[in-house]
Amino acid sequence: MKWIANGYQETIHQGIAGLKKFNGKLSFGSHTREEALFKLKHELETAEAVLIGAGAGLSTAAGFTYSGERFEKYFFDFGKKYGFRDMYSGGFYPYSSEEELWAYWARYIYINRYLDALKPVYHELFRLVKNKDYFVITTNVDHCFQKAGFDKKRLFYTQGDYGLFQSVNPDIRRTFDNEQWVIHAIQSQGFVQNSEGIYEVPQNQKLLMKIPSELIPKCPVDGSNMTMNLRSDDSFVEDEGWHRASAAYADFLHRHENRHILFLEIGVGSNTPVIIKYPFWQMTSTNPKAVYACLNNNEAYCPQQIKSQSVCIDGDCSKVISLLQ
């Protein structure tokens, strides 16, 4: 197989090939839970390299839920006014003003990008692979891997980063850090900083649902409007950092082609299977030394064709990873 410098393009090709090849029976594995845990521990110890493919289920297991208690704590006023009950819905709501839209997004970015996860699952995962030749490809955009200690040069965030803005001007192919803007924007709404430096809802729960007009983010290059650096269509900016990570991913795959590699898929659902799931299946099927492991809650399965090379463990990812320590 000829590897190319664009790891994202290559993984999409692999995903399409996997979709065509494995359009058939699926298996939930051939091991008991205890056997599967033992085998995965063994693979983590003996594999020459570990490629982690992580989806939203991993961050959910770490406590980054988008409804329920976290939503009610930080978006109670938006929920009461507009009737939605989860953060995703609020992110797409057609607000009547930019000031209100960006007030919502400031809160959204702050709690999902600049606050730490509630559970230590990312740190525990790092302990499992830190002494291995590892790499991470993820569709998550919350920066949890880097905050847990994973080497930035071994991470590929394919779908963007909550911590970055991009201009709506398609000629400006750059991204811009938003941390300082986020802090100013939540301060302007009435969030207060506690003794640990974390911004919280005040005790009286009185918050503004808009930011000052002068805080609406504008591109520092040409003054154009800004938007989130999240892949939703062809306007997504793949900046220099993104391309470096893509090339590093392609290089990792090239170096370990036909070697003993563990493809460790965690919390990957069915929304974007061509980025992680299908390529992992395809690369396992073409390498008899490879092992595919799937950790997922109610979605731990593999194609029948690679059943003998696979480990499927159903359950809460945080609990499974703790058992592997």
Protein backbone atom coordinates (compact mmCIF):
# COMPACT_ATOMS: atom_id res chain seq x y z
CA MET A 1 0.00 0.00 0.00
CA LYS A 2 1.26 3.45 -0.87
CA TRP A 3 1.04 5.84 2.07
CA ILE A 4 0.67 9.58 1.46
CA ALA A 5 1.51 12.59 3.60
CA ASN A 6 -2.15 13.49 4.18
CA GLY A 7 -3.18 11.08 6.91
CA TYR A 8 -6.78 12.29 6.89
CA GLN A 9 -7.19 11.63 3.18
CA GLU A 10 -5.61 8.21 3.60
CA THR A 11 -7.85 7.29 6.52
CA ILE A 12 -10.95 8.27 4.52
CA HIS A 13 -9.75 6.05 1.67
CA GLN A 14 -9.23 3.25 4.18
CA GLY A 15 -12.68 3.88 5.62
CA ILE A 16 -14.39 3.65 2.25
CA ALA A 17 -12.49 0.45 1.49
CA GLY A 18 -13.54 -0.96 4.85
CA LEU A 19 -17.17 -0.04 4.27
CA LYS A 20 -17.17 -1.91 0.96
CA LYS A 21 -15.27 -4.90 2.30
CA PHE A 22 -17.14 -5.44 5.56
CA ASN A 23 -20.69 -4.93 4.44
CA GLY A 24 -21.71 -8.19 6.08
CA LYS A 25 -22.02 -10.01 9.39
CA LEU A 26 -20.78 -8.47 12.63
CA SER A 27 -19.47 -10.24 15.72
CA PHE A 28 -19.44 -9.31 19.40
CA GLY A 29 -16.17 -11.19 19.86
CA SER A 30 -15.30 -14.69 20.94
CA HIS A 31 -14.08 -14.05 24.52
CA THR A 32 -15.72 -13.84 27.90
CA ARG A 33 -15.31 -10.45 29.58
CA GLU A 34 -12.48 -11.74 31.75
CA GLU A 35 -10.73 -13.30 28.76
CA ALA A 36 -11.12 -10.11 26.75
CA LEU A 37 -9.64 -7.98 29.53
CA PHE A 38 -6.72 -10.39 29.91
CA LYS A 39 -6.04 -10.41 26.17
CA LEU A 40 -6.20 -6.62 25.90
CA LYS A 41 -3.79 -6.24 28.83
CA HIS A 42 -1.45 -8.63 27.09
CA GLU A 43 -1.66 -6.71 23.82
CA LEU A 44 -1.01 -3.39 25.58
CA GLU A 45 2.14 -4.93 27.04
CA THR A 46 3.43 -6.73 23.94
CA ALA A 47 2.36 -4.67 20.93
CA GLU A 48 5.12 -2.72 19.21
CA ALA A 49 2.78 0.25 18.84
CA VAL A 50 -0.69 1.36 19.93
CA LEU A 51 -2.97 3.47 17.77
CA ILE A 52 -5.83 4.93 19.79
CA GLY A 53 -8.97 5.94 17.92
CA ALA A 54 -11.30 7.87 20.21
CA GLY A 55 -14.85 9.10 19.78
CA ALA A 56 -17.41 10.97 21.83
CA GLY A 57 -18.06 7.97 24.06
CA LEU A 58 -14.68 8.39 25.72
CA SER A 59 -15.38 11.98 26.76
CA THR A 60 -18.87 11.00 27.89
CA ALA A 61 -17.26 8.37 30.11
CA ALA A 62 -14.97 11.09 31.47
CA GLY A 63 -18.00 13.14 32.53
CA PHE A 64 -18.38 15.49 29.58
CA THR A 65 -22.12 14.98 29.21
CA TYR A 66 -24.18 17.49 27.22
CA SER A 67 -27.50 17.20 29.01
CA GLY A 68 -28.74 16.69 32.53
CA GLU A 69 -26.89 18.20 35.48
CA ARG A 70 -24.15 19.97 33.51
CA PHE A 71 -26.67 21.56 31.18
CA GLU A 72 -28.93 22.67 34.03
CA LYS A 73 -25.97 24.13 35.92
CA TYR A 74 -24.57 26.30 33.16
CA PHE A 75 -27.50 26.83 30.76
CA PHE A 76 -30.56 26.88 33.01
CA ASP A 77 -31.55 30.34 31.77
CA PHE A 78 -31.22 29.46 28.08
CA GLY A 79 -33.14 26.24 28.65
CA LYS A 80 -35.94 28.08 30.44
CA LYS A 81 -36.22 30.77 27.76
CA TYR A 82 -36.00 28.57 24.67
CA GLY A 83 -37.09 25.14 25.83
CA PHE A 84 -34.11 23.04 24.75
CA ARG A 85 -32.60 20.54 27.16
CA ASP A 86 -29.12 19.83 25.86
CA MET A 87 -26.08 21.81 24.78
CA TYR A 88 -26.09 20.58 21.19
CA SER A 89 -29.56 21.98 20.56
CA GLY A 90 -28.57 25.32 22.03
CA GLY A 91 -25.54 25.50 19.79
CA PHE A 92 -27.73 25.40 16.67
CA TYR A 93 -30.57 27.61 17.92
CA PRO A 94 -31.36 30.62 15.67
CA TYR A 95 -30.80 33.38 18.23
CA SER A 96 -32.04 36.83 17.35
CA SER A 97 -28.69 38.51 17.98
CA GLU A 98 -24.97 37.82 17.70
CA GLU A 99 -24.58 39.00 21.29
CA GLU A 100 -26.82 36.18 22.55
CA LEU A 101 -25.36 33.57 20.21
CA TRP A 102 -21.82 34.25 21.40
CA ALA A 103 -22.88 34.39 25.05
CA TYR A 104 -24.12 30.83 24.65
CA TRP A 105 -20.99 29.69 22.84
CA ALA A 106 -18.69 31.31 25.39
CA ARG A 107 -20.22 29.15 28.13
CA TYR A 108 -20.21 26.09 25.87
CA ILE A 109 -16.53 26.46 25.00
CA TYR A 110 -15.44 27.24 28.55
CA ILE A 111 -16.94 24.19 30.23
CA ASN A 112 -16.14 21.73 27.42
CA ARG A 113 -12.64 22.94 26.52
CA TYR A 114 -11.09 24.84 29.41
CA LEU A 115 -12.45 22.90 32.39
CA ASP A 116 -11.02 19.49 33.27
CA ALA A 117 -13.03 16.31 32.85
CA LEU A 118 -14.81 15.10 35.97
CA LYS A 119 -13.36 11.57 35.83
CA PRO A 120 -9.68 10.60 35.36
CA VAL A 121 -10.25 8.26 32.40
CA TYR A 122 -7.93 10.19 30.05
CA HIS A 123 -5.14 10.18 32.63
CA GLU A 124 -5.63 6.45 33.21
CA LEU A 125 -5.51 5.81 29.47
CA PHE A 126 -2.28 7.79 29.24
CA ARG A 127 -0.72 5.62 31.94
CA LEU A 128 -1.48 2.55 29.83
CA VAL A 129 0.36 3.80 26.74
CA LYS A 130 2.87 6.44 27.84
CA ASN A 131 5.81 4.03 27.57
CA LYS A 132 4.68 2.68 24.20
CA ASP A 133 5.09 4.02 20.69
CA TYR A 134 1.56 5.43 20.52
CA PHE A 135 -0.52 7.80 18.43
CA VAL A 136 -4.05 9.16 18.82
CA ILE A 137 -6.60 9.97 16.14
CA THR A 138 -9.83 11.43 17.49
CA THR A 139 -13.02 13.09 16.37
CA ASN A 140 -13.31 14.75 19.79
CA VAL A 141 -12.70 18.50 19.94
CA ASP A 142 -12.39 19.03 23.71
CA HIS A 143 -8.58 18.87 24.13
CA CYS A 144 -8.82 16.19 26.85
CA PHE A 145 -5.90 14.15 25.53
CA GLN A 146 -3.41 16.99 25.71
CA LYS A 147 -4.60 18.06 29.16
CA ALA A 148 -4.03 14.48 30.38
CA GLY A 149 -0.39 14.50 29.30
CA PHE A 150 -0.47 13.00 25.81
CA ASP A 151 2.27 14.37 23.56
CA LYS A 152 0.87 17.05 21.24
CA LYS A 153 3.00 15.66 18.41
CA ARG A 154 1.22 12.32 18.73
CA LEU A 155 -2.33 13.71 18.47
CA PHE A 156 -4.54 14.26 15.45
CA TYR A 157 -7.79 16.13 16.13
CA THR A 158 -9.44 15.55 12.77
CA GLN A 159 -12.61 17.58 13.34
CA GLY A 160 -11.26 20.76 14.93
CA ASP A 161 -10.91 22.22 18.39
CA TYR A 162 -13.31 24.11 20.66
CA GLY A 163 -10.33 26.30 21.53
CA LEU A 164 -9.99 27.74 18.03
CA PHE A 165 -11.86 30.29 15.93
CA GLN A 166 -11.64 30.71 12.18
CA SER A 167 -12.66 33.56 9.91
CA VAL A 168 -15.74 33.25 7.71
CA ASN A 169 -13.57 34.68 4.94
CA PRO A 170 -12.51 31.60 2.93
CA ASP A 171 -9.29 33.33 1.86
CA ILE A 172 -7.97 33.39 5.43
CA ARG A 173 -6.84 29.83 6.05
CA ARG A 174 -5.79 30.35 9.66
CA THR A 175 -7.14 29.60 13.11
CA PHE A 176 -7.03 31.77 16.22
CA ASP A 177 -6.84 30.82 19.91
CA ASN A 178 -9.97 31.87 21.80
CA GLU A 179 -9.12 31.34 25.48
CA GLN A 180 -8.78 35.01 26.42
CA TRP A 181 -11.93 35.89 24.51
CA VAL A 182 -13.84 33.13 26.31
CA ILE A 183 -12.73 34.40 29.72
CA HIS A 184 -13.81 37.96 28.92
CA ALA A 185 -17.11 36.76 27.47
CA ILE A 186 -18.12 34.71 30.51
CA GLN A 187 -16.97 37.44 32.88
CA SER A 188 -19.23 39.88 31.04
CA GLN A 189 -22.19 37.56 31.70
CA GLY A 190 -21.59 37.55 35.45
CA PHE A 191 -19.65 34.34 36.05
CA VAL A 192 -17.44 34.63 39.15
CA GLN A 193 -14.00 33.13 39.75
CA ASN A 194 -13.61 30.85 42.76
CA SER A 195 -10.50 30.31 44.90
CA GLU A 196 -9.20 27.70 42.43
CA GLY A 197 -9.47 30.07 39.49
CA ILE A 198 -12.54 28.39 37.98
CA TYR A 199 -15.45 30.52 36.79
CA GLU A 200 -18.79 29.51 38.25
CA VAL A 201 -22.43 30.57 38.21
CA PRO A 202 -22.98 33.12 41.03
CA GLN A 203 -25.04 32.04 44.02
CA ASN A 204 -27.92 34.30 43.06
CA GLN A 205 -27.90 32.68 39.58
CA LYS A 206 -28.21 36.07 37.93
CA LEU A 207 -26.48 35.95 34.59
CA LEU A 208 -26.70 38.00 31.44
CA MET A 209 -27.63 36.03 28.33
CA LYS A 210 -25.67 38.24 26.01
CA ILE A 211 -22.22 39.75 25.67
CA PRO A 212 -21.37 43.39 24.86
CA SER A 213 -21.39 44.12 21.13
CA GLU A 214 -17.72 45.02 21.22
CA LEU A 215 -16.91 41.46 22.36
CA ILE A 216 -18.41 39.79 19.27
CA PRO A 217 -15.34 38.00 17.90
CA LYS A 218 -13.79 39.48 14.75
CA CYS A 219 -10.89 38.21 12.68
CA PRO A 220 -7.66 40.02 13.65
CA VAL A 221 -6.50 39.91 10.02
CA ASP A 222 -9.36 41.62 8.18
CA GLY A 223 -12.10 42.27 10.76
CA SER A 224 -14.44 39.68 9.25
CA ASN A 225 -16.82 37.63 11.38
CA MET A 226 -15.52 34.56 13.15
CA THR A 227 -16.93 31.09 13.61
CA MET A 228 -15.87 27.92 15.40
CA ASN A 229 -13.10 25.76 13.93
CA LEU A 230 -15.33 22.68 13.82
CA ARG A 231 -15.79 20.51 10.75
CA SER A 232 -19.34 20.89 9.51
CA ASP A 233 -18.83 21.58 5.80
CA ASP A 234 -16.14 22.49 3.26
CA SER A 235 -15.46 25.82 5.00
CA PHE A 236 -13.56 24.06 7.81
CA VAL A 237 -10.02 25.45 8.01
CA GLU A 238 -7.28 22.84 8.03
CA ASP A 239 -4.47 25.03 9.35
CA GLU A 240 -0.73 24.34 9.57
CA GLY A 241 -1.10 22.50 12.87
CA TRP A 242 -3.83 20.29 11.42
CA HIS A 243 -1.66 19.37 8.42
CA ARG A 244 1.34 18.61 10.64
CA ALA A 245 -0.81 16.25 12.69
CA SER A 246 -2.20 14.64 9.55
CA ALA A 247 1.30 14.03 8.22
CA ALA A 248 2.42 12.63 11.61
CA TYR A 249 -0.49 10.21 11.53
CA ALA A 250 0.41 9.04 8.02
CA ASP A 251 4.03 8.59 9.11
CA PHE A 252 2.97 6.53 12.14
CA LEU A 253 0.90 4.23 9.95
CA HIS A 254 3.74 3.88 7.46
CA ARG A 255 6.30 3.01 10.16
CA HIS A 256 4.11 0.27 11.60
CA GLU A 257 2.70 -1.21 8.43
CA ASN A 258 2.66 -5.04 8.72
CA ARG A 259 4.04 -4.91 12.28
CA HIS A 260 2.48 -5.91 15.61
CA ILE A 261 0.17 -2.96 16.22
CA LEU A 262 -2.86 -2.63 18.48
CA PHE A 263 -5.73 -0.64 17.01
CA LEU A 264 -7.48 0.50 20.18
CA GLU A 265 -10.88 2.00 19.37
CA ILE A 266 -12.68 3.67 22.30
CA GLY A 267 -16.14 5.20 22.35
CA VAL A 268 -16.54 5.50 18.59
CA GLY A 269 -20.15 5.55 17.44
CA SER A 270 -21.83 5.47 14.04
CA ASN A 271 -21.79 9.17 13.16
CA THR A 272 -18.40 9.24 11.41
CA PRO A 273 -17.25 5.60 11.10
CA VAL A 274 -15.10 6.29 8.02
CA ILE A 275 -12.61 8.26 10.13
CA ILE A 276 -11.72 5.64 12.76
CA LYS A 277 -13.85 2.49 12.84
CA TYR A 278 -13.78 1.38 9.19
CA PRO A 279 -10.09 2.24 8.65
CA PHE A 280 -9.17 0.27 11.80
CA TRP A 281 -11.11 -2.73 10.47
CA GLN A 282 -9.47 -2.43 7.07
CA MET A 283 -5.92 -2.09 8.42
CA THR A 284 -6.41 -5.03 10.78
CA SER A 285 -7.67 -7.25 7.96
CA THR A 286 -4.59 -6.56 5.82
CA ASN A 287 -2.09 -7.18 8.64
CA PRO A 288 -2.09 -10.63 10.29
CA LYS A 289 0.06 -9.28 13.14
CA ALA A 290 -2.45 -6.56 14.05
CA VAL A 291 -5.09 -6.71 16.79
CA TYR A 292 -8.28 -4.65 16.83
CA ALA A 293 -9.86 -3.79 20.19
CA CYS A 294 -13.23 -2.10 20.56
CA LEU A 295 -14.30 -0.59 23.89
CA ASN A 296 -17.82 0.79 23.82
CA ASN A 297 -21.04 0.94 25.77
CA ASN A 298 -23.56 -1.27 23.94
CA GLU A 299 -21.68 -0.94 20.62
CA ALA A 300 -18.65 -3.21 21.02
CA TYR A 301 -18.43 -5.29 17.84
CA CYS A 302 -16.22 -6.19 14.90
CA PRO A 303 -16.66 -7.68 11.43
CA GLN A 304 -16.87 -11.45 11.31
CA GLN A 305 -13.85 -11.47 8.97
CA ILE A 306 -11.49 -10.16 11.71
CA LYS A 307 -13.11 -11.85 14.70
CA SER A 308 -10.01 -13.93 15.43
CA GLN A 309 -7.88 -10.74 15.59
CA SER A 310 -10.33 -8.75 17.69
CA VAL A 311 -11.19 -7.99 21.30
CA CYS A 312 -14.63 -6.52 21.99
CA ILE A 313 -15.46 -5.23 25.48
CA ASP A 314 -18.92 -3.85 26.18
CA GLY A 315 -19.39 -1.37 29.01
CA ASP A 316 -18.59 2.04 30.42
CA CYS A 317 -15.18 2.99 28.96
CA SER A 318 -14.04 4.59 32.21
CA LYS A 319 -14.66 1.36 34.15
CA VAL A 320 -13.00 -0.81 31.51
CA ILE A 321 -9.90 1.40 31.38
CA SER A 322 -9.68 1.33 35.19
CA LEU A 323 -9.73 -2.47 35.09
CA LEU A 324 -6.77 -2.42 32.69
CA GLN A 325 -4.51 -0.52 35.10
